[in-house]
């Protein structure tokens, strides 16, 4: 199970993924 699906591993997608992960 995931809370957030990020489509695209570019700069924006990876930054969003890091921030979401940092918030749990």
PDBML (XML) file of the C-alpha atoms, coordinates in Angstrom:
<?xml version="1.0" encoding="UTF-8" ?>
<PDBx:datablock datablockName="MODEL"
   xmlns:PDBx="http://pdbml.pdb.org/schema/pdbx-v50.xsd"
   xmlns:xsi="http://www.w3.org/2001/XMLSchema-instance"
   xsi:schemaLocation="http://pdbml.pdb.org/schema/pdbx-v50.xsd pdbx-v50.xsd">
   <PDBx:atom_siteCategory>
      <PDBx:atom_site id="1">
         <PDBx:B_iso_or_equiv>0.00</PDBx:B_iso_or_equiv>
         <PDBx:Cartn_x>0.000</PDBx:Cartn_x>
         <PDBx:Cartn_y>0.000</PDBx:Cartn_y>
         <PDBx:Cartn_z>0.000</PDBx:Cartn_z>
         <PDBx:auth_asym_id>A</PDBx:auth_asym_id>
         <PDBx:auth_atom_id>CA</PDBx:auth_atom_id>
         <PDBx:auth_comp_id>UNK</PDBx:auth_comp_id>
         <PDBx:auth_seq_id>1</PDBx:auth_seq_id>
         <PDBx:group_PDB>ATOM</PDBx:group_PDB>
         <PDBx:label_alt_id xsi:nil="true" />
         <PDBx:label_asym_id>A</PDBx:label_asym_id>
         <PDBx:label_atom_id>CA</PDBx:label_atom_id>
         <PDBx:label_comp_id>UNK</PDBx:label_comp_id>
         <PDBx:label_entity_id>1</PDBx:label_entity_id>
         <PDBx:label_seq_id>1</PDBx:label_seq_id>
         <PDBx:occupancy>1.00</PDBx:occupancy>
         <PDBx:pdbx_PDB_model_num>1</PDBx:pdbx_PDB_model_num>
         <PDBx:type_symbol>C</PDBx:type_symbol>
      </PDBx:atom_site>
      <PDBx:atom_site id="2">
         <PDBx:B_iso_or_equiv>0.00</PDBx:B_iso_or_equiv>
         <PDBx:Cartn_x>1.136</PDBx:Cartn_x>
         <PDBx:Cartn_y>3.524</PDBx:Cartn_y>
         <PDBx:Cartn_z>-0.786</PDBx:Cartn_z>
         <PDBx:auth_asym_id>A</PDBx:auth_asym_id>
         <PDBx:auth_atom_id>CA</PDBx:auth_atom_id>
         <PDBx:auth_comp_id>UNK</PDBx:auth_comp_id>
         <PDBx:auth_seq_id>2</PDBx:auth_seq_id>
         <PDBx:group_PDB>ATOM</PDBx:group_PDB>
         <PDBx:label_alt_id xsi:nil="true" />
         <PDBx:label_asym_id>A</PDBx:label_asym_id>
         <PDBx:label_atom_id>CA</PDBx:label_atom_id>
         <PDBx:label_comp_id>UNK</PDBx:label_comp_id>
         <PDBx:label_entity_id>1</PDBx:label_entity_id>
         <PDBx:label_seq_id>2</PDBx:label_seq_id>
         <PDBx:occupancy>1.00</PDBx:occupancy>
         <PDBx:pdbx_PDB_model_num>1</PDBx:pdbx_PDB_model_num>
         <PDBx:type_symbol>C</PDBx:type_symbol>
      </PDBx:atom_site>
      <PDBx:atom_site id="3">
         <PDBx:B_iso_or_equiv>0.00</PDBx:B_iso_or_equiv>
         <PDBx:Cartn_x>-0.231</PDBx:Cartn_x>
         <PDBx:Cartn_y>6.892</PDBx:Cartn_y>
         <PDBx:Cartn_z>0.217</PDBx:Cartn_z>
         <PDBx:auth_asym_id>A</PDBx:auth_asym_id>
         <PDBx:auth_atom_id>CA</PDBx:auth_atom_id>
         <PDBx:auth_comp_id>UNK</PDBx:auth_comp_id>
         <PDBx:auth_seq_id>3</PDBx:auth_seq_id>
         <PDBx:group_PDB>ATOM</PDBx:group_PDB>
         <PDBx:label_alt_id xsi:nil="true" />
         <PDBx:label_asym_id>A</PDBx:label_asym_id>
         <PDBx:label_atom_id>CA</PDBx:label_atom_id>
         <PDBx:label_comp_id>UNK</PDBx:label_comp_id>
         <PDBx:label_entity_id>1</PDBx:label_entity_id>
         <PDBx:label_seq_id>3</PDBx:label_seq_id>
         <PDBx:occupancy>1.00</PDBx:occupancy>
         <PDBx:pdbx_PDB_model_num>1</PDBx:pdbx_PDB_model_num>
         <PDBx:type_symbol>C</PDBx:type_symbol>
      </PDBx:atom_site>
      <PDBx:atom_site id="4">
         <PDBx:B_iso_or_equiv>0.00</PDBx:B_iso_or_equiv>
         <PDBx:Cartn_x>1.141</PDBx:Cartn_x>
         <PDBx:Cartn_y>8.798</PDBx:Cartn_y>
         <PDBx:Cartn_z>-2.754</PDBx:Cartn_z>
         <PDBx:auth_asym_id>A</PDBx:auth_asym_id>
         <PDBx:auth_atom_id>CA</PDBx:auth_atom_id>
         <PDBx:auth_comp_id>UNK</PDBx:auth_comp_id>
         <PDBx:auth_seq_id>4</PDBx:auth_seq_id>
         <PDBx:group_PDB>ATOM</PDBx:group_PDB>
         <PDBx:label_alt_id xsi:nil="true" />
         <PDBx:label_asym_id>A</PDBx:label_asym_id>
         <PDBx:label_atom_id>CA</PDBx:label_atom_id>
         <PDBx:label_comp_id>UNK</PDBx:label_comp_id>
         <PDBx:label_entity_id>1</PDBx:label_entity_id>
         <PDBx:label_seq_id>4</PDBx:label_seq_id>
         <PDBx:occupancy>1.00</PDBx:occupancy>
         <PDBx:pdbx_PDB_model_num>1</PDBx:pdbx_PDB_model_num>
         <PDBx:type_symbol>C</PDBx:type_symbol>
      </PDBx:atom_site>
      <PDBx:atom_site id="5">
         <PDBx:B_iso_or_equiv>0.00</PDBx:B_iso_or_equiv>
         <PDBx:Cartn_x>1.967</PDBx:Cartn_x>
         <PDBx:Cartn_y>7.689</PDBx:Cartn_y>
         <PDBx:Cartn_z>-6.280</PDBx:Cartn_z>
         <PDBx:auth_asym_id>A</PDBx:auth_asym_id>
         <PDBx:auth_atom_id>CA</PDBx:auth_atom_id>
         <PDBx:auth_comp_id>UNK</PDBx:auth_comp_id>
         <PDBx:auth_seq_id>5</PDBx:auth_seq_id>
         <PDBx:group_PDB>ATOM</PDBx:group_PDB>
         <PDBx:label_alt_id xsi:nil="true" />
         <PDBx:label_asym_id>A</PDBx:label_asym_id>
         <PDBx:label_atom_id>CA</PDBx:label_atom_id>
         <PDBx:label_comp_id>UNK</PDBx:label_comp_id>
         <PDBx:label_entity_id>1</PDBx:label_entity_id>
         <PDBx:label_seq_id>5</PDBx:label_seq_id>
         <PDBx:occupancy>1.00</PDBx:occupancy>
         <PDBx:pdbx_PDB_model_num>1</PDBx:pdbx_PDB_model_num>
         <PDBx:type_symbol>C</PDBx:type_symbol>
      </PDBx:atom_site>
      <PDBx:atom_site id="6">
         <PDBx:B_iso_or_equiv>0.00</PDBx:B_iso_or_equiv>
         <PDBx:Cartn_x>4.439</PDBx:Cartn_x>
         <PDBx:Cartn_y>9.986</PDBx:Cartn_y>
         <PDBx:Cartn_z>-8.013</PDBx:Cartn_z>
         <PDBx:auth_asym_id>A</PDBx:auth_asym_id>
         <PDBx:auth_atom_id>CA</PDBx:auth_atom_id>
         <PDBx:auth_comp_id>UNK</PDBx:auth_comp_id>
         <PDBx:auth_seq_id>6</PDBx:auth_seq_id>
         <PDBx:group_PDB>ATOM</PDBx:group_PDB>
         <PDBx:label_alt_id xsi:nil="true" />
         <PDBx:label_asym_id>A</PDBx:label_asym_id>
         <PDBx:label_atom_id>CA</PDBx:label_atom_id>
         <PDBx:label_comp_id>UNK</PDBx:label_comp_id>
         <PDBx:label_entity_id>1</PDBx:label_entity_id>
         <PDBx:label_seq_id>6</PDBx:label_seq_id>
         <PDBx:occupancy>1.00</PDBx:occupancy>
         <PDBx:pdbx_PDB_model_num>1</PDBx:pdbx_PDB_model_num>
         <PDBx:type_symbol>C</PDBx:type_symbol>
      </PDBx:atom_site>
      <PDBx:atom_site id="7">
         <PDBx:B_iso_or_equiv>0.00</PDBx:B_iso_or_equiv>
         <PDBx:Cartn_x>4.473</PDBx:Cartn_x>
         <PDBx:Cartn_y>9.696</PDBx:Cartn_y>
         <PDBx:Cartn_z>-11.789</PDBx:Cartn_z>
         <PDBx:auth_asym_id>A</PDBx:auth_asym_id>
         <PDBx:auth_atom_id>CA</PDBx:auth_atom_id>
         <PDBx:auth_comp_id>UNK</PDBx:auth_comp_id>
         <PDBx:auth_seq_id>7</PDBx:auth_seq_id>
         <PDBx:group_PDB>ATOM</PDBx:group_PDB>
         <PDBx:label_alt_id xsi:nil="true" />
         <PDBx:label_asym_id>A</PDBx:label_asym_id>
         <PDBx:label_atom_id>CA</PDBx:label_atom_id>
         <PDBx:label_comp_id>UNK</PDBx:label_comp_id>
         <PDBx:label_entity_id>1</PDBx:label_entity_id>
         <PDBx:label_seq_id>7</PDBx:label_seq_id>
         <PDBx:occupancy>1.00</PDBx:occupancy>
         <PDBx:pdbx_PDB_model_num>1</PDBx:pdbx_PDB_model_num>
         <PDBx:type_symbol>C</PDBx:type_symbol>
      </PDBx:atom_site>
      <PDBx:atom_site id="8">
         <PDBx:B_iso_or_equiv>0.00</PDBx:B_iso_or_equiv>
         <PDBx:Cartn_x>7.823</PDBx:Cartn_x>
         <PDBx:Cartn_y>10.768</PDBx:Cartn_y>
         <PDBx:Cartn_z>-13.183</PDBx:Cartn_z>
         <PDBx:auth_asym_id>A</PDBx:auth_asym_id>
         <PDBx:auth_atom_id>CA</PDBx:auth_atom_id>
         <PDBx:auth_comp_id>UNK</PDBx:auth_comp_id>
         <PDBx:auth_seq_id>8</PDBx:auth_seq_id>
         <PDBx:group_PDB>ATOM</PDBx:group_PDB>
         <PDBx:label_alt_id xsi:nil="true" />
         <PDBx:label_asym_id>A</PDBx:label_asym_id>
         <PDBx:label_atom_id>CA</PDBx:label_atom_id>
         <PDBx:label_comp_id>UNK</PDBx:label_comp_id>
         <PDBx:label_entity_id>1</PDBx:label_entity_id>
         <PDBx:label_seq_id>8</PDBx:label_seq_id>
         <PDBx:occupancy>1.00</PDBx:occupancy>
         <PDBx:pdbx_PDB_model_num>1</PDBx:pdbx_PDB_model_num>
         <PDBx:type_symbol>C</PDBx:type_symbol>
      </PDBx:atom_site>
      <PDBx:atom_site id="9">
         <PDBx:B_iso_or_equiv>0.00</PDBx:B_iso_or_equiv>
         <PDBx:Cartn_x>11.279</PDBx:Cartn_x>
         <PDBx:Cartn_y>10.473</PDBx:Cartn_y>
         <PDBx:Cartn_z>-11.651</PDBx:Cartn_z>
         <PDBx:auth_asym_id>A</PDBx:auth_asym_id>
         <PDBx:auth_atom_id>CA</PDBx:auth_atom_id>
         <PDBx:auth_comp_id>UNK</PDBx:auth_comp_id>
         <PDBx:auth_seq_id>9</PDBx:auth_seq_id>
         <PDBx:group_PDB>ATOM</PDBx:group_PDB>
         <PDBx:label_alt_id xsi:nil="true" />
         <PDBx:label_asym_id>A</PDBx:label_asym_id>
         <PDBx:label_atom_id>CA</PDBx:label_atom_id>
         <PDBx:label_comp_id>UNK</PDBx:label_comp_id>
         <PDBx:label_entity_id>1</PDBx:label_entity_id>
         <PDBx:label_seq_id>9</PDBx:label_seq_id>
         <PDBx:occupancy>1.00</PDBx:occupancy>
         <PDBx:pdbx_PDB_model_num>1</PDBx:pdbx_PDB_model_num>
         <PDBx:type_symbol>C</PDBx:type_symbol>
      </PDBx:atom_site>
      <PDBx:atom_site id="10">
         <PDBx:B_iso_or_equiv>0.00</PDBx:B_iso_or_equiv>
         <PDBx:Cartn_x>12.502</PDBx:Cartn_x>
         <PDBx:Cartn_y>13.855</PDBx:Cartn_y>
         <PDBx:Cartn_z>-12.807</PDBx:Cartn_z>
         <PDBx:auth_asym_id>A</PDBx:auth_asym_id>
         <PDBx:auth_atom_id>CA</PDBx:auth_atom_id>
         <PDBx:auth_comp_id>UNK</PDBx:auth_comp_id>
         <PDBx:auth_seq_id>10</PDBx:auth_seq_id>
         <PDBx:group_PDB>ATOM</PDBx:group_PDB>
         <PDBx:label_alt_id xsi:nil="true" />
         <PDBx:label_asym_id>A</PDBx:label_asym_id>
         <PDBx:label_atom_id>CA</PDBx:label_atom_id>
         <PDBx:label_comp_id>UNK</PDBx:label_comp_id>
         <PDBx:label_entity_id>1</PDBx:label_entity_id>
         <PDBx:label_seq_id>10</PDBx:label_seq_id>
         <PDBx:occupancy>1.00</PDBx:occupancy>
         <PDBx:pdbx_PDB_model_num>1</PDBx:pdbx_PDB_model_num>
         <PDBx:type_symbol>C</PDBx:type_symbol>
      </PDBx:atom_site>
      <PDBx:atom_site id="11">
         <PDBx:B_iso_or_equiv>0.00</PDBx:B_iso_or_equiv>
         <PDBx:Cartn_x>13.567</PDBx:Cartn_x>
         <PDBx:Cartn_y>16.701</PDBx:Cartn_y>
         <PDBx:Cartn_z>-10.580</PDBx:Cartn_z>
         <PDBx:auth_asym_id>A</PDBx:auth_asym_id>
         <PDBx:auth_atom_id>CA</PDBx:auth_atom_id>
         <PDBx:auth_comp_id>UNK</PDBx:auth_comp_id>
         <PDBx:auth_seq_id>11</PDBx:auth_seq_id>
         <PDBx:group_PDB>ATOM</PDBx:group_PDB>
         <PDBx:label_alt_id xsi:nil="true" />
         <PDBx:label_asym_id>A</PDBx:label_asym_id>
         <PDBx:label_atom_id>CA</PDBx:label_atom_id>
         <PDBx:label_comp_id>UNK</PDBx:label_comp_id>
         <PDBx:label_entity_id>1</PDBx:label_entity_id>
         <PDBx:label_seq_id>11</PDBx:label_seq_id>
         <PDBx:occupancy>1.00</PDBx:occupancy>
         <PDBx:pdbx_PDB_model_num>1</PDBx:pdbx_PDB_model_num>
         <PDBx:type_symbol>C</PDBx:type_symbol>
      </PDBx:atom_site>
      <PDBx:atom_site id="12">
         <PDBx:B_iso_or_equiv>0.00</PDBx:B_iso_or_equiv>
         <PDBx:Cartn_x>10.023</PDBx:Cartn_x>
         <PDBx:Cartn_y>17.676</PDBx:Cartn_y>
         <PDBx:Cartn_z>-9.612</PDBx:Cartn_z>
         <PDBx:auth_asym_id>A</PDBx:auth_asym_id>
         <PDBx:auth_atom_id>CA</PDBx:auth_atom_id>
         <PDBx:auth_comp_id>UNK</PDBx:auth_comp_id>
         <PDBx:auth_seq_id>12</PDBx:auth_seq_id>
         <PDBx:group_PDB>ATOM</PDBx:group_PDB>
         <PDBx:label_alt_id xsi:nil="true" />
         <PDBx:label_asym_id>A</PDBx:label_asym_id>
         <PDBx:label_atom_id>CA</PDBx:label_atom_id>
         <PDBx:label_comp_id>UNK</PDBx:label_comp_id>
         <PDBx:label_entity_id>1</PDBx:label_entity_id>
         <PDBx:label_seq_id>12</PDBx:label_seq_id>
         <PDBx:occupancy>1.00</PDBx:occupancy>
         <PDBx:pdbx_PDB_model_num>1</PDBx:pdbx_PDB_model_num>
         <PDBx:type_symbol>C</PDBx:type_symbol>
      </PDBx:atom_site>
      <PDBx:atom_site id="13">
         <PDBx:B_iso_or_equiv>0.00</PDBx:B_iso_or_equiv>
         <PDBx:Cartn_x>8.787</PDBx:Cartn_x>
         <PDBx:Cartn_y>14.132</PDBx:Cartn_y>
         <PDBx:Cartn_z>-9.022</PDBx:Cartn_z>
         <PDBx:auth_asym_id>A</PDBx:auth_asym_id>
         <PDBx:auth_atom_id>CA</PDBx:auth_atom_id>
         <PDBx:auth_comp_id>UNK</PDBx:auth_comp_id>
         <PDBx:auth_seq_id>13</PDBx:auth_seq_id>
         <PDBx:group_PDB>ATOM</PDBx:group_PDB>
         <PDBx:label_alt_id xsi:nil="true" />
         <PDBx:label_asym_id>A</PDBx:label_asym_id>
         <PDBx:label_atom_id>CA</PDBx:label_atom_id>
         <PDBx:label_comp_id>UNK</PDBx:label_comp_id>
         <PDBx:label_entity_id>1</PDBx:label_entity_id>
         <PDBx:label_seq_id>13</PDBx:label_seq_id>
         <PDBx:occupancy>1.00</PDBx:occupancy>
         <PDBx:pdbx_PDB_model_num>1</PDBx:pdbx_PDB_model_num>
         <PDBx:type_symbol>C</PDBx:type_symbol>
      </PDBx:atom_site>
      <PDBx:atom_site id="14">
         <PDBx:B_iso_or_equiv>0.00</PDBx:B_iso_or_equiv>
         <PDBx:Cartn_x>11.751</PDBx:Cartn_x>
         <PDBx:Cartn_y>13.128</PDBx:Cartn_y>
         <PDBx:Cartn_z>-6.893</PDBx:Cartn_z>
         <PDBx:auth_asym_id>A</PDBx:auth_asym_id>
         <PDBx:auth_atom_id>CA</PDBx:auth_atom_id>
         <PDBx:auth_comp_id>UNK</PDBx:auth_comp_id>
         <PDBx:auth_seq_id>14</PDBx:auth_seq_id>
         <PDBx:group_PDB>ATOM</PDBx:group_PDB>
         <PDBx:label_alt_id xsi:nil="true" />
         <PDBx:label_asym_id>A</PDBx:label_asym_id>
         <PDBx:label_atom_id>CA</PDBx:label_atom_id>
         <PDBx:label_comp_id>UNK</PDBx:label_comp_id>
         <PDBx:label_entity_id>1</PDBx:label_entity_id>
         <PDBx:label_seq_id>14</PDBx:label_seq_id>
         <PDBx:occupancy>1.00</PDBx:occupancy>
         <PDBx:pdbx_PDB_model_num>1</PDBx:pdbx_PDB_model_num>
         <PDBx:type_symbol>C</PDBx:type_symbol>
      </PDBx:atom_site>
      <PDBx:atom_site id="15">
         <PDBx:B_iso_or_equiv>0.00</PDBx:B_iso_or_equiv>
         <PDBx:Cartn_x>11.548</PDBx:Cartn_x>
         <PDBx:Cartn_y>16.343</PDBx:Cartn_y>
         <PDBx:Cartn_z>-4.853</PDBx:Cartn_z>
         <PDBx:auth_asym_id>A</PDBx:auth_asym_id>
         <PDBx:auth_atom_id>CA</PDBx:auth_atom_id>
         <PDBx:auth_comp_id>UNK</PDBx:auth_comp_id>
         <PDBx:auth_seq_id>15</PDBx:auth_seq_id>
         <PDBx:group_PDB>ATOM</PDBx:group_PDB>
         <PDBx:label_alt_id xsi:nil="true" />
         <PDBx:label_asym_id>A</PDBx:label_asym_id>
         <PDBx:label_atom_id>CA</PDBx:label_atom_id>
         <PDBx:label_comp_id>UNK</PDBx:label_comp_id>
         <PDBx:label_entity_id>1</PDBx:label_entity_id>
         <PDBx:label_seq_id>15</PDBx:label_seq_id>
         <PDBx:occupancy>1.00</PDBx:occupancy>
         <PDBx:pdbx_PDB_model_num>1</PDBx:pdbx_PDB_model_num>
         <PDBx:type_symbol>C</PDBx:type_symbol>
      </PDBx:atom_site>
      <PDBx:atom_site id="16">
         <PDBx:B_iso_or_equiv>0.00</PDBx:B_iso_or_equiv>
         <PDBx:Cartn_x>7.862</PDBx:Cartn_x>
         <PDBx:Cartn_y>15.718</PDBx:Cartn_y>
         <PDBx:Cartn_z>-4.222</PDBx:Cartn_z>
         <PDBx:auth_asym_id>A</PDBx:auth_asym_id>
         <PDBx:auth_atom_id>CA</PDBx:auth_atom_id>
         <PDBx:auth_comp_id>UNK</PDBx:auth_comp_id>
         <PDBx:auth_seq_id>16</PDBx:auth_seq_id>
         <PDBx:group_PDB>ATOM</PDBx:group_PDB>
         <PDBx:label_alt_id xsi:nil="true" />
         <PDBx:label_asym_id>A</PDBx:label_asym_id>
         <PDBx:label_atom_id>CA</PDBx:label_atom_id>
         <PDBx:label_comp_id>UNK</PDBx:label_comp_id>
         <PDBx:label_entity_id>1</PDBx:label_entity_id>
         <PDBx:label_seq_id>16</PDBx:label_seq_id>
         <PDBx:occupancy>1.00</PDBx:occupancy>
         <PDBx:pdbx_PDB_model_num>1</PDBx:pdbx_PDB_model_num>
         <PDBx:type_symbol>C</PDBx:type_symbol>
      </PDBx:atom_site>
      <PDBx:atom_site id="17">
         <PDBx:B_iso_or_equiv>0.00</PDBx:B_iso_or_equiv>
         <PDBx:Cartn_x>8.583</PDBx:Cartn_x>
         <PDBx:Cartn_y>12.113</PDBx:Cartn_y>
         <PDBx:Cartn_z>-3.252</PDBx:Cartn_z>
         <PDBx:auth_asym_id>A</PDBx:auth_asym_id>
         <PDBx:auth_atom_id>CA</PDBx:auth_atom_id>
         <PDBx:auth_comp_id>UNK</PDBx:auth_comp_id>
         <PDBx:auth_seq_id>17</PDBx:auth_seq_id>
         <PDBx:group_PDB>ATOM</PDBx:group_PDB>
         <PDBx:label_alt_id xsi:nil="true" />
         <PDBx:label_asym_id>A</PDBx:label_asym_id>
         <PDBx:label_atom_id>CA</PDBx:label_atom_id>
         <PDBx:label_comp_id>UNK</PDBx:label_comp_id>
         <PDBx:label_entity_id>1</PDBx:label_entity_id>
         <PDBx:label_seq_id>17</PDBx:label_seq_id>
         <PDBx:occupancy>1.00</PDBx:occupancy>
         <PDBx:pdbx_PDB_model_num>1</PDBx:pdbx_PDB_model_num>
         <PDBx:type_symbol>C</PDBx:type_symbol>
      </PDBx:atom_site>
      <PDBx:atom_site id="18">
         <PDBx:B_iso_or_equiv>0.00</PDBx:B_iso_or_equiv>
         <PDBx:Cartn_x>11.288</PDBx:Cartn_x>
         <PDBx:Cartn_y>13.213</PDBx:Cartn_y>
         <PDBx:Cartn_z>-0.796</PDBx:Cartn_z>
         <PDBx:auth_asym_id>A</PDBx:auth_asym_id>
         <PDBx:auth_atom_id>CA</PDBx:auth_atom_id>
         <PDBx:auth_comp_id>UNK</PDBx:auth_comp_id>
         <PDBx:auth_seq_id>18</PDBx:auth_seq_id>
         <PDBx:group_PDB>ATOM</PDBx:group_PDB>
         <PDBx:label_alt_id xsi:nil="true" />
         <PDBx:label_asym_id>A</PDBx:label_asym_id>
         <PDBx:label_atom_id>CA</PDBx:label_atom_id>
         <PDBx:label_comp_id>UNK</PDBx:label_comp_id>
         <PDBx:label_entity_id>1</PDBx:label_entity_id>
         <PDBx:label_seq_id>18</PDBx:label_seq_id>
         <PDBx:occupancy>1.00</PDBx:occupancy>
         <PDBx:pdbx_PDB_model_num>1</PDBx:pdbx_PDB_model_num>
         <PDBx:type_symbol>C</PDBx:type_symbol>
      </PDBx:atom_site>
      <PDBx:atom_site id="19">
         <PDBx:B_iso_or_equiv>0.00</PDBx:B_iso_or_equiv>
         <PDBx:Cartn_x>9.013</PDBx:Cartn_x>
         <PDBx:Cartn_y>15.783</PDBx:Cartn_y>
         <PDBx:Cartn_z>0.821</PDBx:Cartn_z>
         <PDBx:auth_asym_id>A</PDBx:auth_asym_id>
         <PDBx:auth_atom_id>CA</PDBx:auth_atom_id>
         <PDBx:auth_comp_id>UNK</PDBx:auth_comp_id>
         <PDBx:auth_seq_id>19</PDBx:auth_seq_id>
         <PDBx:group_PDB>ATOM</PDBx:group_PDB>
         <PDBx:label_alt_id xsi:nil="true" />
         <PDBx:label_asym_id>A</PDBx:label_asym_id>
         <PDBx:label_atom_id>CA</PDBx:label_atom_id>
         <PDBx:label_comp_id>UNK</PDBx:label_comp_id>
         <PDBx:label_entity_id>1</PDBx:label_entity_id>
         <PDBx:label_seq_id>19</PDBx:label_seq_id>
         <PDBx:occupancy>1.00</PDBx:occupancy>
         <PDBx:pdbx_PDB_model_num>1</PDBx:pdbx_PDB_model_num>
         <PDBx:type_symbol>C</PDBx:type_symbol>
      </PDBx:atom_site>
      <PDBx:atom_site id="20">
         <PDBx:B_iso_or_equiv>0.00</PDBx:B_iso_or_equiv>
         <PDBx:Cartn_x>6.095</PDBx:Cartn_x>
         <PDBx:Cartn_y>13.347</PDBx:Cartn_y>
         <PDBx:Cartn_z>1.106</PDBx:Cartn_z>
         <PDBx:auth_asym_id>A</PDBx:auth_asym_id>
         <PDBx:auth_atom_id>CA</PDBx:auth_atom_id>
         <PDBx:auth_comp_id>UNK</PDBx:auth_comp_id>
         <PDBx:auth_seq_id>20</PDBx:auth_seq_id>
         <PDBx:group_PDB>ATOM</PDBx:group_PDB>
         <PDBx:label_alt_id xsi:nil="true" />
         <PDBx:label_asym_id>A</PDBx:label_asym_id>
         <PDBx:label_atom_id>CA</PDBx:label_atom_id>
         <PDBx:label_comp_id>UNK</PDBx:label_comp_id>
         <PDBx:label_entity_id>1</PDBx:label_entity_id>
         <PDBx:label_seq_id>20</PDBx:label_seq_id>
         <PDBx:occupancy>1.00</PDBx:occupancy>
         <PDBx:pdbx_PDB_model_num>1</PDBx:pdbx_PDB_model_num>
         <PDBx:type_symbol>C</PDBx:type_symbol>
      </PDBx:atom_site>
      <PDBx:atom_site id="21">
         <PDBx:B_iso_or_equiv>0.00</PDBx:B_iso_or_equiv>
         <PDBx:Cartn_x>8.369</PDBx:Cartn_x>
         <PDBx:Cartn_y>10.676</PDBx:Cartn_y>
         <PDBx:Cartn_z>2.567</PDBx:Cartn_z>
         <PDBx:auth_asym_id>A</PDBx:auth_asym_id>
         <PDBx:auth_atom_id>CA</PDBx:auth_atom_id>
         <PDBx:auth_comp_id>UNK</PDBx:auth_comp_id>
         <PDBx:auth_seq_id>21</PDBx:auth_seq_id>
         <PDBx:group_PDB>ATOM</PDBx:group_PDB>
         <PDBx:label_alt_id xsi:nil="true" />
         <PDBx:label_asym_id>A</PDBx:label_asym_id>
         <PDBx:label_atom_id>CA</PDBx:label_atom_id>
         <PDBx:label_comp_id>UNK</PDBx:label_comp_id>
         <PDBx:label_entity_id>1</PDBx:label_entity_id>
         <PDBx:label_seq_id>21</PDBx:label_seq_id>
         <PDBx:occupancy>1.00</PDBx:occupancy>
         <PDBx:pdbx_PDB_model_num>1</PDBx:pdbx_PDB_model_num>
         <PDBx:type_symbol>C</PDBx:type_symbol>
      </PDBx:atom_site>
      <PDBx:atom_site id="22">
         <PDBx:B_iso_or_equiv>0.00</PDBx:B_iso_or_equiv>
         <PDBx:Cartn_x>9.801</PDBx:Cartn_x>
         <PDBx:Cartn_y>13.216</PDBx:Cartn_y>
         <PDBx:Cartn_z>5.008</PDBx:Cartn_z>
         <PDBx:auth_asym_id>A</PDBx:auth_asym_id>
         <PDBx:auth_atom_id>CA</PDBx:auth_atom_id>
         <PDBx:auth_comp_id>UNK</PDBx:auth_comp_id>
         <PDBx:auth_seq_id>22</PDBx:auth_seq_id>
         <PDBx:group_PDB>ATOM</PDBx:group_PDB>
         <PDBx:label_alt_id xsi:nil="true" />
         <PDBx:label_asym_id>A</PDBx:label_asym_id>
         <PDBx:label_atom_id>CA</PDBx:label_atom_id>
         <PDBx:label_comp_id>UNK</PDBx:label_comp_id>
         <PDBx:label_entity_id>1</PDBx:label_entity_id>
         <PDBx:label_seq_id>22</PDBx:label_seq_id>
         <PDBx:occupancy>1.00</PDBx:occupancy>
         <PDBx:pdbx_PDB_model_num>1</PDBx:pdbx_PDB_model_num>
         <PDBx:type_symbol>C</PDBx:type_symbol>
      </PDBx:atom_site>
      <PDBx:atom_site id="23">
         <PDBx:B_iso_or_equiv>0.00</PDBx:B_iso_or_equiv>
         <PDBx:Cartn_x>6.229</PDBx:Cartn_x>
         <PDBx:Cartn_y>13.838</PDBx:Cartn_y>
         <PDBx:Cartn_z>6.223</PDBx:Cartn_z>
         <PDBx:auth_asym_id>A</PDBx:auth_asym_id>
         <PDBx:auth_atom_id>CA</PDBx:auth_atom_id>
         <PDBx:auth_comp_id>UNK</PDBx:auth_comp_id>
         <PDBx:auth_seq_id>23</PDBx:auth_seq_id>
         <PDBx:group_PDB>ATOM</PDBx:group_PDB>
         <PDBx:label_alt_id xsi:nil="true" />
         <PDBx:label_asym_id>A</PDBx:label_asym_id>
         <PDBx:label_atom_id>CA</PDBx:label_atom_id>
         <PDBx:label_comp_id>UNK</PDBx:label_comp_id>
         <PDBx:label_entity_id>1</PDBx:label_entity_id>
         <PDBx:label_seq_id>23</PDBx:label_seq_id>
         <PDBx:occupancy>1.00</PDBx:occupancy>
         <PDBx:pdbx_PDB_model_num>1</PDBx:pdbx_PDB_model_num>
         <PDBx:type_symbol>C</PDBx:type_symbol>
      </PDBx:atom_site>
      <PDBx:atom_site id="24">
         <PDBx:B_iso_or_equiv>0.00</PDBx:B_iso_or_equiv>
         <PDBx:Cartn_x>5.632</PDBx:Cartn_x>
         <PDBx:Cartn_y>10.119</PDBx:Cartn_y>
         <PDBx:Cartn_z>6.813</PDBx:Cartn_z>
         <PDBx:auth_asym_id>A</PDBx:auth_asym_id>
         <PDBx:auth_atom_id>CA</PDBx:auth_atom_id>
         <PDBx:auth_comp_id>UNK</PDBx:auth_comp_id>
         <PDBx:auth_seq_id>24</PDBx:auth_seq_id>
         <PDBx:group_PDB>ATOM</PDBx:group_PDB>
         <PDBx:label_alt_id xsi:nil="true" />
         <PDBx:label_asym_id>A</PDBx:label_asym_id>
         <PDBx:label_atom_id>CA</PDBx:label_atom_id>
         <PDBx:label_comp_id>UNK</PDBx:label_comp_id>
         <PDBx:label_entity_id>1</PDBx:label_entity_id>
         <PDBx:label_seq_id>24</PDBx:label_seq_id>
         <PDBx:occupancy>1.00</PDBx:occupancy>
         <PDBx:pdbx_PDB_model_num>1</PDBx:pdbx_PDB_model_num>
         <PDBx:type_symbol>C</PDBx:type_symbol>
      </PDBx:atom_site>
   </PDBx:atom_siteCategory>
</PDBx:datablock>
